[in-house]
C-alpha cells in the first residue's frame, strides 16, 4: 500500500461515525478474545487490532469490562436477530421454521471459529459474571421459546403423542452447543455441513413424518 493510501485509510479511521467506530472496536475485540482469551484481552490489544489509539477505545467504552459486555451483547443480538428471521419462516410452516433455525446455527457469518471461541470464552465466565449470565440467558430463552413453539405446532392434533416440545428444544440447543465445540476444537473432522446433517438427523428421529434423514456421504 502506498504512503498516500495509508494516510487516507488512517484519516478515514479517525473520522468514522460513532456507530461505525463501535462496530470496528467490537470486531477487534472478537479477534483479540479469539486469539488471547478474555483475561489477556486488554484495551491495548483491542486498540492494536483496530489500528487505533487506546484513547479512542476508552472514549467509546470507558473500560475493558464495558467493552467485553458490549461485545457479548453484540454477538447475542446478532444471533437472536438471525433466529427471529428464521422463526418467521414458521409462519409458513413449522418445518420451514426449524430448517431455517438449523441454517442459522451453522451459517458462515454466525458460525466462524473466531466467534465460536468468543462464545465459549464468555460461557466459561458467565458463572462468575451476572451480566454475562443474564445476556446469555436472554439469548437462550429467546431461542428456546421459538423452537418450542414450532415443535408444539408439529405435535398438534396428536401427530407425535410421545414428544415433548420443551425436551426437543433443550435437546436441539444442547446438540448445537456440542457441535459448536467440535467445530472449534476439531476442525479437521467436523465441518459446518457435517454439523448441519447431524442436526437434521436428530430432527428426523424426533419428527420422522416431517423431516427426511440426510443421505449418507463418504466425507463432508
Protein backbone atom coordinates (compact mmCIF):
# COMPACT_ATOMS: atom_id res chain seq x y z
CA UNK A 1 0.00 0.00 0.00
CA UNK A 2 1.34 3.42 -0.93
CA UNK A 3 2.06 6.06 1.69
CA UNK A 4 -0.79 8.19 0.32
CA UNK A 5 -3.19 5.28 0.55
CA UNK A 6 -2.08 4.53 4.12
CA UNK A 7 -2.71 8.15 5.12
CA UNK A 8 -6.15 8.04 3.54
CA UNK A 9 -7.04 4.86 5.45
CA UNK A 10 -5.81 6.36 8.74
CA UNK A 11 -7.77 9.56 8.13
CA UNK A 12 -10.93 7.54 7.47
CA UNK A 13 -10.40 5.57 10.66
CA UNK A 14 -10.09 8.75 12.71
CA UNK A 15 -13.23 10.33 11.25
CA UNK A 16 -15.58 7.35 11.24
CA UNK A 17 -19.10 7.90 12.69
CA UNK A 18 -19.58 6.71 16.30
CA UNK A 19 -21.64 3.61 15.41
CA UNK A 20 -19.12 2.57 12.79
CA UNK A 21 -16.31 3.11 15.26
CA UNK A 22 -18.06 0.97 17.91
CA UNK A 23 -18.56 -1.80 15.35
CA UNK A 24 -14.89 -1.61 14.41
CA UNK A 25 -13.82 -1.88 18.04
CA UNK A 26 -16.18 -4.78 18.76
CA UNK A 27 -14.84 -6.67 15.76
CA UNK A 28 -11.32 -6.02 17.04
CA UNK A 29 -12.37 -7.32 20.46
CA UNK A 30 -13.71 -10.52 18.89
CA UNK A 31 -10.35 -11.07 17.20
CA UNK A 32 -8.43 -10.32 20.38
CA UNK A 33 -10.52 -12.64 22.57
CA UNK A 34 -10.31 -15.40 19.95
CA UNK A 35 -6.50 -15.03 19.87
CA UNK A 36 -5.78 -14.36 23.55
CA UNK A 37 -8.83 -15.19 25.66
CA UNK A 38 -10.76 -12.86 27.93
CA UNK A 39 -8.08 -12.46 30.60
CA UNK A 40 -5.35 -11.37 28.22
CA UNK A 41 -7.55 -9.11 26.12
CA UNK A 42 -6.93 -5.51 27.13
CA UNK A 43 -7.72 -2.04 25.89
CA UNK A 44 -4.22 -2.08 24.39
CA UNK A 45 -4.69 -5.34 22.46
CA UNK A 46 -8.04 -4.17 21.10
CA UNK A 47 -6.57 -0.83 20.06
CA UNK A 48 -3.74 -2.64 18.31
CA UNK A 49 -6.16 -4.96 16.49
CA UNK A 50 -8.25 -1.99 15.37
CA UNK A 51 -5.28 0.17 14.44
CA UNK A 52 -6.49 2.92 16.76
CA UNK A 53 -5.33 4.62 19.93
CA UNK A 54 -6.25 3.38 23.40
CA UNK A 55 -7.88 6.74 23.98
CA UNK A 56 -10.41 6.03 21.22
CA UNK A 57 -11.31 2.71 22.85
CA UNK A 58 -11.76 4.38 26.24
CA UNK A 59 -13.84 7.14 24.67
CA UNK A 60 -16.39 4.67 23.32
CA UNK A 61 -16.41 2.02 26.05
CA UNK A 62 -14.68 3.59 29.09
CA UNK A 63 -13.35 0.25 30.41
CA UNK A 64 -12.36 -3.25 29.42
CA UNK A 65 -15.40 -4.62 31.22
CA UNK A 66 -17.70 -2.32 29.28
CA UNK A 67 -16.07 -3.31 26.01
CA UNK A 68 -16.38 -7.03 26.74
CA UNK A 69 -20.00 -6.70 27.85
CA UNK A 70 -20.93 -4.83 24.68
CA UNK A 71 -19.11 -7.43 22.58
CA UNK A 72 -21.14 -10.23 24.17
CA UNK A 73 -24.33 -8.22 23.70
CA UNK A 74 -23.42 -7.64 20.05
CA UNK A 75 -22.99 -11.39 19.45
CA UNK A 76 -26.20 -12.22 21.34
CA UNK A 77 -28.20 -9.61 19.39
CA UNK A 78 -26.74 -10.83 16.10
CA UNK A 79 -27.73 -14.42 16.88
CA UNK A 80 -31.17 -13.52 18.24
CA UNK A 81 -31.95 -11.33 15.23
CA UNK A 82 -31.00 -14.13 12.83
CA UNK A 83 -33.15 -16.59 14.81
CA UNK A 84 -36.15 -14.23 14.70
CA UNK A 85 -35.80 -14.02 10.93
CA UNK A 86 -35.63 -17.80 10.75
CA UNK A 87 -38.59 -18.23 13.09
CA UNK A 88 -40.65 -16.03 10.77
CA UNK A 89 -40.48 -18.98 8.37
CA UNK A 90 -42.50 -20.82 11.00
CA UNK A 91 -45.42 -18.72 9.83
CA UNK A 92 -45.18 -20.62 6.56
CA UNK A 93 -44.76 -23.96 8.32
CA UNK A 94 -43.02 -25.19 11.48
CA UNK A 95 -40.85 -27.44 9.34
CA UNK A 96 -39.61 -24.47 7.32
CA UNK A 97 -39.01 -22.57 10.56
CA UNK A 98 -36.96 -25.35 12.15
CA UNK A 99 -34.94 -25.84 8.97
CA UNK A 100 -34.21 -22.12 8.95
CA UNK A 101 -33.14 -22.25 12.61
CA UNK A 102 -30.68 -25.04 11.81
CA UNK A 103 -29.34 -23.00 8.91
CA UNK A 104 -28.74 -20.07 11.27
CA UNK A 105 -26.77 -22.18 13.73
CA UNK A 106 -24.28 -23.19 11.03
CA UNK A 107 -24.38 -20.09 8.85
CA UNK A 108 -20.93 -18.89 7.82
CA UNK A 109 -21.42 -15.40 9.31
CA UNK A 110 -22.60 -16.80 12.66
CA UNK A 111 -20.51 -19.94 12.99
CA UNK A 112 -16.94 -18.73 12.49
CA UNK A 113 -14.10 -20.17 14.56
CA UNK A 114 -13.38 -16.69 15.95
CA UNK A 115 -16.95 -16.18 17.11
CA UNK A 116 -17.20 -19.70 18.49
CA UNK A 117 -14.01 -19.12 20.51
CA UNK A 118 -15.51 -15.92 21.91
CA UNK A 119 -18.83 -17.57 22.76
CA UNK A 120 -17.08 -20.31 24.72
CA UNK A 121 -14.87 -17.78 26.45
CA UNK A 122 -17.93 -15.90 27.69
CA UNK A 123 -19.82 -19.07 28.57
CA UNK A 124 -16.89 -20.11 30.74
CA UNK A 125 -17.09 -16.81 32.65
CA UNK A 126 -20.84 -16.42 33.00
CA UNK A 127 -20.86 -18.38 36.25
CA UNK A 128 -18.87 -15.57 37.82
CA UNK A 129 -20.31 -12.58 35.92
CA UNK A 130 -24.02 -11.84 36.47
CA UNK A 131 -24.10 -9.54 33.42
CA UNK A 132 -22.70 -12.25 31.14
CA UNK A 133 -25.11 -14.77 32.67
CA UNK A 134 -28.09 -12.51 32.05
CA UNK A 135 -27.19 -11.77 28.41
CA UNK A 136 -26.59 -15.45 27.67
CA UNK A 137 -29.81 -16.45 29.44
CA UNK A 138 -31.85 -13.96 27.40
CA UNK A 139 -30.35 -15.29 24.20
CA UNK A 140 -31.04 -18.91 25.21
CA UNK A 141 -34.58 -18.17 26.38
CA UNK A 142 -35.44 -16.47 23.09
CA UNK A 143 -34.10 -19.46 21.12
CA UNK A 144 -35.91 -21.99 23.31
CA UNK A 145 -39.25 -20.17 23.08
CA UNK A 146 -39.11 -20.08 19.28
CA UNK A 147 -38.12 -23.74 18.92
CA UNK A 148 -40.69 -24.92 21.45
CA UNK A 149 -43.45 -23.08 19.63
CA UNK A 150 -42.56 -24.68 16.29
CA UNK A 151 -42.24 -28.13 17.88
CA UNK A 152 -45.60 -27.68 19.58
CA UNK A 153 -47.18 -26.87 16.23
CA UNK A 154 -45.76 -30.09 14.76
CA UNK A 155 -47.25 -32.03 17.65
CA UNK A 156 -50.72 -30.52 17.24
CA UNK A 157 -53.51 -32.98 16.56
CA UNK A 158 -51.68 -35.87 18.19
CA UNK A 159 -49.17 -36.31 15.38
CA UNK A 160 -46.41 -37.12 17.88
CA UNK A 161 -48.11 -38.08 21.16
CA UNK A 162 -44.87 -39.04 22.93
CA UNK A 163 -42.91 -35.91 22.02
CA UNK A 164 -42.44 -33.06 24.49
CA UNK A 165 -41.68 -29.79 22.67
CA UNK A 166 -39.65 -28.43 25.59
CA UNK A 167 -37.47 -31.56 25.67
CA UNK A 168 -36.90 -31.36 21.90
CA UNK A 169 -35.89 -27.70 22.20
CA UNK A 170 -33.49 -28.48 25.04
CA UNK A 171 -32.03 -31.35 23.05
CA UNK A 172 -31.57 -29.22 19.95
CA UNK A 173 -29.85 -26.49 21.97
CA UNK A 174 -27.53 -29.00 23.67
CA UNK A 175 -26.74 -30.66 20.35
CA UNK A 176 -25.87 -27.33 18.74
CA UNK A 177 -23.61 -26.34 21.64
CA UNK A 178 -21.77 -29.64 21.35
CA UNK A 179 -21.36 -29.31 17.60
CA UNK A 180 -20.11 -25.75 18.01
CA UNK A 181 -17.49 -27.07 20.42
CA UNK A 182 -16.46 -29.74 17.91
CA UNK A 183 -16.20 -27.12 15.17
CA UNK A 184 -13.91 -25.12 17.41
CA UNK A 185 -11.62 -27.87 18.71
CA UNK A 186 -11.87 -30.48 15.93
CA UNK A 187 -11.99 -28.52 12.67
CA UNK A 188 -10.16 -31.32 10.88
CA UNK A 189 -13.03 -33.77 11.44
CA UNK A 190 -16.06 -31.51 11.87
CA UNK A 191 -17.43 -29.12 9.26
CA UNK A 192 -20.48 -26.87 9.20
CA UNK A 193 -22.10 -29.14 6.63
CA UNK A 194 -21.49 -32.24 8.75
CA UNK A 195 -22.86 -30.45 11.81
CA UNK A 196 -25.95 -29.44 9.85
CA UNK A 197 -26.53 -33.04 8.72
CA UNK A 198 -26.18 -34.33 12.27
CA UNK A 199 -28.76 -31.82 13.46
CA UNK A 200 -31.18 -32.70 10.66
CA UNK A 201 -30.77 -36.37 11.57
CA UNK A 202 -31.84 -35.50 15.12
CA UNK A 203 -34.96 -33.74 13.83
CA UNK A 204 -35.71 -36.70 11.54
CA UNK A 205 -35.55 -39.04 14.55
CA UNK A 206 -37.93 -36.85 16.54
CA UNK A 207 -40.31 -35.91 13.69
CA UNK A 208 -39.96 -38.72 11.11
CA UNK A 209 -43.12 -37.77 9.22
CA UNK A 210 -41.89 -34.22 8.61
CA UNK A 211 -38.10 -34.47 8.21
CA UNK A 212 -36.05 -36.73 5.95
CA UNK A 213 -32.78 -38.17 7.17
CA UNK A 214 -29.87 -36.68 5.18
CA UNK A 215 -28.39 -39.04 2.63
CA UNK A 216 -25.17 -40.74 3.69
CA UNK A 217 -21.94 -39.21 2.43
CA UNK A 218 -18.41 -40.55 2.31
CA UNK A 219 -16.75 -37.35 3.65
CA UNK A 220 -18.05 -33.84 4.27
